[in-house]
Amino acid sequence: MIERAAPALYAVSALVVVLGAVAGFGGLNTVEEPPVARATSGQVIAGKQLDVTIEDAFLADGFDPYLEPDEGNRFLAVRALVTNVSDTPMDKVKDNVLVDGVVGSAGTAQADEVIRLGESSSNPMLQPGVAQEIVLLWQIPSTEKEAGSEITVQVLDKTLRKGFLFDDSWDDPVVTADVSLVVGDRGLDFAQDDAT
């Protein structure tokens, strides 16, 4: 009588063969994160989706006549010059510039508002090849940051995913540069000056 091996033995044997083949090509090694560059304010950080130049950061008690933080809060503002280097307009910049350790009022790291300077439009559409000066605003408790404190602004880049059934999309954000800034304080004067 011929004894047959149990199906589980075949499955385990196949798994050992597959793992051995994958390990032989380094498939079980962890993927190293790409290094994060250190940049300075005023330096262009080139990306596949956006070129970003972080200019400065400041606290504000309001921004233009329409934006005021909730009582007990202030805005942490990061001013940046961004250029859409892709070939299609885009309206999402909130997750391309973050402040390390800062959470907006929605409970995420994304800015609460993105304002285009000069016209105070919220969450502006960025046209290809056009440089736009924007301010990203996080509403934070007034005791969380103070003038003179240092923050690290993270600039992220994304990868274009070609759509088959759906539109193309920018996904997989990766921090490509850190910019250290000292936070200023513009109070309400900044908002009033820019509103006129």
C-alpha atoms as a PDB file:
ATOM      1  CA  MET A   1       0.000   0.000   0.000  1.00  0.00           C
ATOM      2  CA  ILE A   2       1.269   3.429  -0.951  1.00  0.00           C
ATOM      3  CA  GLU A   3       1.122   6.145   1.671  1.00  0.00           C
ATOM      4  CA  ARG A   4       0.249   9.614   0.526  1.00  0.00           C
ATOM      5  CA  ALA A   5       1.574  12.752   2.122  1.00  0.00           C
ATOM      6  CA  ALA A   6      -0.959  14.972   3.787  1.00  0.00           C
ATOM      7  CA  PRO A   7      -2.063  18.082   1.818  1.00  0.00           C
ATOM      8  CA  ALA A   8      -0.687  20.254   4.618  1.00  0.00           C
ATOM      9  CA  LEU A   9       2.802  18.853   3.911  1.00  0.00           C
ATOM     10  CA  TYR A  10       2.512  19.954   0.276  1.00  0.00           C
ATOM     11  CA  ALA A  11       1.409  23.450   1.335  1.00  0.00           C
ATOM     12  CA  VAL A  12       4.272  23.807   3.822  1.00  0.00           C
ATOM     13  CA  SER A  13       6.784  22.522   1.248  1.00  0.00           C
ATOM     14  CA  ALA A  14       5.530  25.003  -1.355  1.00  0.00           C
ATOM     15  CA  LEU A  15       5.729  27.848   1.154  1.00  0.00           C
ATOM     16  CA  VAL A  16       9.332  26.942   2.043  1.00  0.00           C
ATOM     17  CA  VAL A  17      10.293  26.915  -1.643  1.00  0.00           C
ATOM     18  CA  VAL A  18       8.629  30.302  -2.296  1.00  0.00           C
ATOM     19  CA  LEU A  19      10.194  31.922   0.774  1.00  0.00           C
ATOM     20  CA  GLY A  20      13.577  30.526  -0.150  1.00  0.00           C
ATOM     21  CA  ALA A  21      13.325  31.963  -3.669  1.00  0.00           C
ATOM     22  CA  VAL A  22      12.142  35.367  -2.418  1.00  0.00           C
ATOM     23  CA  ALA A  23      14.826  35.530   0.276  1.00  0.00           C
ATOM     24  CA  GLY A  24      17.479  34.701  -2.310  1.00  0.00           C
ATOM     25  CA  PHE A  25      16.682  37.961  -4.080  1.00  0.00           C
ATOM     26  CA  GLY A  26      16.547  40.053  -0.909  1.00  0.00           C
ATOM     27  CA  GLY A  27      12.747  40.083  -0.830  1.00  0.00           C
ATOM     28  CA  LEU A  28      12.561  39.764   2.937  1.00  0.00           C
ATOM     29  CA  ASN A  29      14.785  42.758   3.591  1.00  0.00           C
ATOM     30  CA  THR A  30      13.063  45.881   4.841  1.00  0.00           C
ATOM     31  CA  VAL A  31      12.925  48.810   2.442  1.00  0.00           C
ATOM     32  CA  GLU A  32      14.904  51.760   3.666  1.00  0.00           C
ATOM     33  CA  GLU A  33      13.205  55.140   3.770  1.00  0.00           C
ATOM     34  CA  PRO A  34      14.773  57.669   1.419  1.00  0.00           C
ATOM     35  CA  PRO A  35      16.868  60.233   3.273  1.00  0.00           C
ATOM     36  CA  VAL A  36      15.138  63.485   4.199  1.00  0.00           C
ATOM     37  CA  ALA A  37      17.020  66.578   3.027  1.00  0.00           C
ATOM     38  CA  ARG A  38      17.540  69.576   5.302  1.00  0.00           C
ATOM     39  CA  ALA A  39      16.521  72.791   3.571  1.00  0.00           C
ATOM     40  CA  THR A  40      16.477  76.436   4.620  1.00  0.00           C
ATOM     41  CA  SER A  41      13.802  79.062   4.265  1.00  0.00           C
ATOM     42  CA  GLY A  42      13.899  80.554   0.794  1.00  0.00           C
ATOM     43  CA  GLN A  43      15.350  77.389  -0.763  1.00  0.00           C
ATOM     44  CA  VAL A  44      13.371  75.734  -3.574  1.00  0.00           C
ATOM     45  CA  ILE A  45      12.479  72.119  -2.801  1.00  0.00           C
ATOM     46  CA  ALA A  46      11.855  70.500  -6.190  1.00  0.00           C
ATOM     47  CA  GLY A  47       9.273  67.746  -6.447  1.00  0.00           C
ATOM     48  CA  LYS A  48       7.403  65.693  -9.026  1.00  0.00           C
ATOM     49  CA  GLN A  49       4.113  67.432  -8.217  1.00  0.00           C
ATOM     50  CA  LEU A  50       5.083  70.790  -6.686  1.00  0.00           C
ATOM     51  CA  ASP A  51       8.144  72.962  -6.268  1.00  0.00           C
ATOM     52  CA  VAL A  52       7.877  74.425  -2.757  1.00  0.00           C
ATOM     53  CA  THR A  53       9.775  77.292  -1.154  1.00  0.00           C
ATOM     54  CA  ILE A  54       9.044  77.693   2.561  1.00  0.00           C
ATOM     55  CA  GLU A  55       9.334  81.379   3.446  1.00  0.00           C
ATOM     56  CA  ASP A  56       8.449  81.833   7.128  1.00  0.00           C
ATOM     57  CA  ALA A  57       6.114  80.891   9.984  1.00  0.00           C
ATOM     58  CA  PHE A  58       4.181  83.076  12.397  1.00  0.00           C
ATOM     59  CA  LEU A  59       1.316  83.156  14.858  1.00  0.00           C
ATOM     60  CA  ALA A  60      -1.757  85.233  13.988  1.00  0.00           C
ATOM     61  CA  ASP A  61      -4.958  86.141  15.796  1.00  0.00           C
ATOM     62  CA  GLY A  62      -6.877  86.342  12.531  1.00  0.00           C
ATOM     63  CA  PHE A  63      -6.328  86.203   8.828  1.00  0.00           C
ATOM     64  CA  ASP A  64      -8.142  88.494   6.408  1.00  0.00           C
ATOM     65  CA  PRO A  65     -11.545  89.802   7.472  1.00  0.00           C
ATOM     66  CA  TYR A  66     -13.165  86.373   7.248  1.00  0.00           C
ATOM     67  CA  LEU A  67     -10.911  83.972   9.112  1.00  0.00           C
ATOM     68  CA  GLU A  68     -10.699  84.086  12.878  1.00  0.00           C
ATOM     69  CA  PRO A  69      -9.649  81.233  15.141  1.00  0.00           C
ATOM     70  CA  ASP A  70     -12.024  79.869  17.763  1.00  0.00           C
ATOM     71  CA  GLU A  71     -11.842  81.447  21.212  1.00  0.00           C
ATOM     72  CA  GLY A  72      -8.656  80.420  23.026  1.00  0.00           C
ATOM     73  CA  ASN A  73      -6.923  79.495  19.752  1.00  0.00           C
ATOM     74  CA  ARG A  74      -4.507  81.157  17.354  1.00  0.00           C
ATOM     75  CA  PHE A  75      -3.412  80.402  13.831  1.00  0.00           C
ATOM     76  CA  LEU A  76       0.007  78.922  13.204  1.00  0.00           C
ATOM     77  CA  ALA A  77       0.720  80.152   9.683  1.00  0.00           C
ATOM     78  CA  VAL A  78       3.361  78.875   7.263  1.00  0.00           C
ATOM     79  CA  ARG A  79       3.941  81.053   4.201  1.00  0.00           C
ATOM     80  CA  ALA A  80       5.202  79.302   1.072  1.00  0.00           C
ATOM     81  CA  LEU A  81       5.697  79.856  -2.629  1.00  0.00           C
ATOM     82  CA  VAL A  82       4.419  76.838  -4.577  1.00  0.00           C
ATOM     83  CA  THR A  83       4.554  76.024  -8.271  1.00  0.00           C
ATOM     84  CA  ASN A  84       2.485  73.213  -9.746  1.00  0.00           C
ATOM     85  CA  VAL A  85       5.039  71.385 -11.939  1.00  0.00           C
ATOM     86  CA  SER A  86       2.559  68.763 -13.131  1.00  0.00           C
ATOM     87  CA  ASP A  87       0.520  69.247 -16.292  1.00  0.00           C
ATOM     88  CA  THR A  88      -2.919  69.426 -14.649  1.00  0.00           C
ATOM     89  CA  PRO A  89      -4.511  71.932 -12.244  1.00  0.00           C
ATOM     90  CA  MET A  90      -4.700  70.853  -8.621  1.00  0.00           C
ATOM     91  CA  ASP A  91      -6.575  72.069  -5.579  1.00  0.00           C
ATOM     92  CA  LYS A  92      -5.116  69.950  -2.788  1.00  0.00           C
ATOM     93  CA  VAL A  93      -2.032  71.345  -1.084  1.00  0.00           C
ATOM     94  CA  LYS A  94      -2.974  70.703   2.555  1.00  0.00           C
ATOM     95  CA  ASP A  95      -1.045  67.445   2.694  1.00  0.00           C
ATOM     96  CA  ASN A  96       2.069  68.651   0.825  1.00  0.00           C
ATOM     97  CA  VAL A  97       3.281  70.897   3.659  1.00  0.00           C
ATOM     98  CA  LEU A  98       2.977  69.785   7.295  1.00  0.00           C
ATOM     99  CA  VAL A  99       4.403  70.976  10.603  1.00  0.00           C
ATOM    100  CA  ASP A 100       6.002  68.197  12.619  1.00  0.00           C
ATOM    101  CA  GLY A 101       3.958  67.519  15.758  1.00  0.00           C
ATOM    102  CA  VAL A 102       1.158  70.003  14.932  1.00  0.00           C
ATOM    103  CA  VAL A 103      -2.413  68.812  14.523  1.00  0.00           C
ATOM    104  CA  GLY A 104      -5.145  70.972  13.035  1.00  0.00           C
ATOM    105  CA  SER A 105      -8.652  71.407  14.370  1.00  0.00           C
ATOM    106  CA  ALA A 106      -9.858  68.368  12.394  1.00  0.00           C
ATOM    107  CA  GLY A 107      -7.464  66.152  14.359  1.00  0.00           C
ATOM    108  CA  THR A 108      -5.125  65.541  11.416  1.00  0.00           C
ATOM    109  CA  ALA A 109      -1.691  66.873  10.485  1.00  0.00           C
ATOM    110  CA  GLN A 110      -3.141  68.707   7.474  1.00  0.00           C
ATOM    111  CA  ALA A 111      -3.620  72.469   7.561  1.00  0.00           C
ATOM    112  CA  ASP A 112      -7.117  73.692   8.367  1.00  0.00           C
ATOM    113  CA  GLU A 113      -7.025  76.265   5.575  1.00  0.00           C
ATOM    114  CA  VAL A 114      -4.853  77.158   2.596  1.00  0.00           C
ATOM    115  CA  ILE A 115      -5.110  80.800   1.535  1.00  0.00           C
ATOM    116  CA  ARG A 116      -3.730  82.318  -1.672  1.00  0.00           C
ATOM    117  CA  LEU A 117      -2.206  85.692  -0.799  1.00  0.00           C
ATOM    118  CA  GLY A 118      -3.462  88.641  -2.759  1.00  0.00           C
ATOM    119  CA  GLU A 119      -7.006  87.392  -3.139  1.00  0.00           C
ATOM    120  CA  SER A 120      -7.672  85.500   0.100  1.00  0.00           C
ATOM    121  CA  SER A 121      -9.253  82.574  -1.718  1.00  0.00           C
ATOM    122  CA  SER A 122      -9.456  79.444   0.390  1.00  0.00           C
ATOM    123  CA  ASN A 123      -8.044  76.166  -0.979  1.00  0.00           C
ATOM    124  CA  PRO A 124      -6.963  77.768  -4.272  1.00  0.00           C
ATOM    125  CA  MET A 125      -6.711  75.966  -7.597  1.00  0.00           C
ATOM    126  CA  LEU A 126      -3.053  75.830  -8.648  1.00  0.00           C
ATOM    127  CA  GLN A 127      -2.511  76.068 -12.399  1.00  0.00           C
ATOM    128  CA  PRO A 128       0.453  74.286 -14.027  1.00  0.00           C
ATOM    129  CA  GLY A 129       3.634  76.326 -14.174  1.00  0.00           C
ATOM    130  CA  VAL A 130       2.290  79.298 -12.169  1.00  0.00           C
ATOM    131  CA  ALA A 131       3.997  80.259  -8.905  1.00  0.00           C
ATOM    132  CA  GLN A 132       1.505  81.072  -6.134  1.00  0.00           C
ATOM    133  CA  GLU A 133       2.211  82.534  -2.715  1.00  0.00           C
ATOM    134  CA  ILE A 134       0.066  80.733  -0.155  1.00  0.00           C
ATOM    135  CA  VAL A 135      -0.362  80.586   3.606  1.00  0.00           C
ATOM    136  CA  LEU A 136      -1.240  77.315   5.325  1.00  0.00           C
ATOM    137  CA  LEU A 137      -3.141  77.802   8.592  1.00  0.00           C
ATOM    138  CA  TRP A 138      -3.410  75.451  11.548  1.00  0.00           C
ATOM    139  CA  GLN A 139      -5.761  76.438  14.359  1.00  0.00           C
ATOM    140  CA  ILE A 140      -3.935  75.589  17.578  1.00  0.00           C
ATOM    141  CA  PRO A 141      -4.456  76.351  21.292  1.00  0.00           C
ATOM    142  CA  SER A 142      -2.948  79.761  22.073  1.00  0.00           C
ATOM    143  CA  THR A 143      -0.624  78.154  24.653  1.00  0.00           C
ATOM    144  CA  GLU A 144       0.779  75.503  22.271  1.00  0.00           C
ATOM    145  CA  LYS A 145       3.359  77.671  20.475  1.00  0.00           C
ATOM    146  CA  GLU A 146       4.863  81.052  21.225  1.00  0.00           C
ATOM    147  CA  ALA A 147       6.972  83.521  19.304  1.00  0.00           C
ATOM    148  CA  GLY A 148      10.599  82.455  19.208  1.00  0.00           C
ATOM    149  CA  SER A 149       9.858  78.719  19.378  1.00  0.00           C
ATOM    150  CA  GLU A 150      11.303  76.520  16.655  1.00  0.00           C
ATOM    151  CA  ILE A 151       9.225  74.302  14.379  1.00  0.00           C
ATOM    152  CA  THR A 152      10.090  71.824  11.649  1.00  0.00           C
ATOM    153  CA  VAL A 153       8.112  72.198   8.445  1.00  0.00           C
ATOM    154  CA  GLN A 154       7.941  69.014   6.377  1.00  0.00           C
ATOM    155  CA  VAL A 155       7.622  69.205   2.601  1.00  0.00           C
ATOM    156  CA  LEU A 156       6.103  66.110   1.022  1.00  0.00           C
ATOM    157  CA  ASP A 157       6.154  64.869  -2.552  1.00  0.00           C
ATOM    158  CA  LYS A 158       3.819  62.361  -4.157  1.00  0.00           C
ATOM    159  CA  THR A 159       3.856  59.836  -6.979  1.00  0.00           C
ATOM    160  CA  LEU A 160       1.494  60.084  -9.938  1.00  0.00           C
ATOM    161  CA  ARG A 161      -0.643  56.963 -10.282  1.00  0.00           C
ATOM    162  CA  LYS A 162      -2.058  56.515 -13.761  1.00  0.00           C
ATOM    163  CA  GLY A 163      -5.720  55.615 -13.632  1.00  0.00           C
ATOM    164  CA  PHE A 164      -7.197  52.759 -15.581  1.00  0.00           C
ATOM    165  CA  LEU A 165     -10.840  52.941 -14.601  1.00  0.00           C
ATOM    166  CA  PHE A 166     -10.534  56.220 -12.681  1.00  0.00           C
ATOM    167  CA  ASP A 167      -8.677  59.507 -13.097  1.00  0.00           C
ATOM    168  CA  ASP A 168      -4.971  59.804 -12.426  1.00  0.00           C
ATOM    169  CA  SER A 169      -4.142  60.662  -8.825  1.00  0.00           C
ATOM    170  CA  TRP A 170      -1.198  61.779  -6.713  1.00  0.00           C
ATOM    171  CA  ASP A 171      -0.575  59.245  -3.929  1.00  0.00           C
ATOM    172  CA  ASP A 172       2.038  57.880  -1.549  1.00  0.00           C
ATOM    173  CA  PRO A 173       3.225  61.111   0.105  1.00  0.00           C
ATOM    174  CA  VAL A 174       6.844  60.990   1.276  1.00  0.00           C
ATOM    175  CA  VAL A 175       8.683  63.630   3.302  1.00  0.00           C
ATOM    176  CA  THR A 176      11.463  64.913   1.037  1.00  0.00           C
ATOM    177  CA  ALA A 177      12.726  67.896   3.052  1.00  0.00           C
ATOM    178  CA  ASP A 178      12.610  69.386   6.553  1.00  0.00           C
ATOM    179  CA  VAL A 179      12.853  73.137   7.056  1.00  0.00           C
ATOM    180  CA  SER A 180      13.553  74.519  10.547  1.00  0.00           C
ATOM    181  CA  LEU A 181      11.930  77.879  11.259  1.00  0.00           C
ATOM    182  CA  VAL A 182      11.654  80.228  14.216  1.00  0.00           C
ATOM    183  CA  VAL A 183       8.029  81.256  14.727  1.00  0.00           C
ATOM    184  CA  GLY A 184       7.225  84.952  14.610  1.00  0.00           C
ATOM    185  CA  ASP A 185       4.119  86.713  15.911  1.00  0.00           C
ATOM    186  CA  ARG A 186       2.080  89.016  13.708  1.00  0.00           C
ATOM    187  CA  GLY A 187      -0.972  89.311  15.958  1.00  0.00           C
ATOM    188  CA  LEU A 188      -3.944  90.875  14.214  1.00  0.00           C
ATOM    189  CA  ASP A 189      -1.923  93.572  12.425  1.00  0.00           C
ATOM    190  CA  PHE A 190      -0.879  91.146   9.687  1.00  0.00           C
ATOM    191  CA  ALA A 191      -4.478  90.270   8.927  1.00  0.00           C
ATOM    192  CA  GLN A 192      -5.567  93.903   8.882  1.00  0.00           C
ATOM    193  CA  ASP A 193      -2.639  95.021   6.711  1.00  0.00           C
ATOM    194  CA  ASP A 194      -3.277  92.314   4.120  1.00  0.00           C
ATOM    195  CA  ALA A 195      -7.027  92.901   4.062  1.00  0.00           C
ATOM    196  CA  THR A 196      -6.651  96.482   2.809  1.00  0.00           C
END
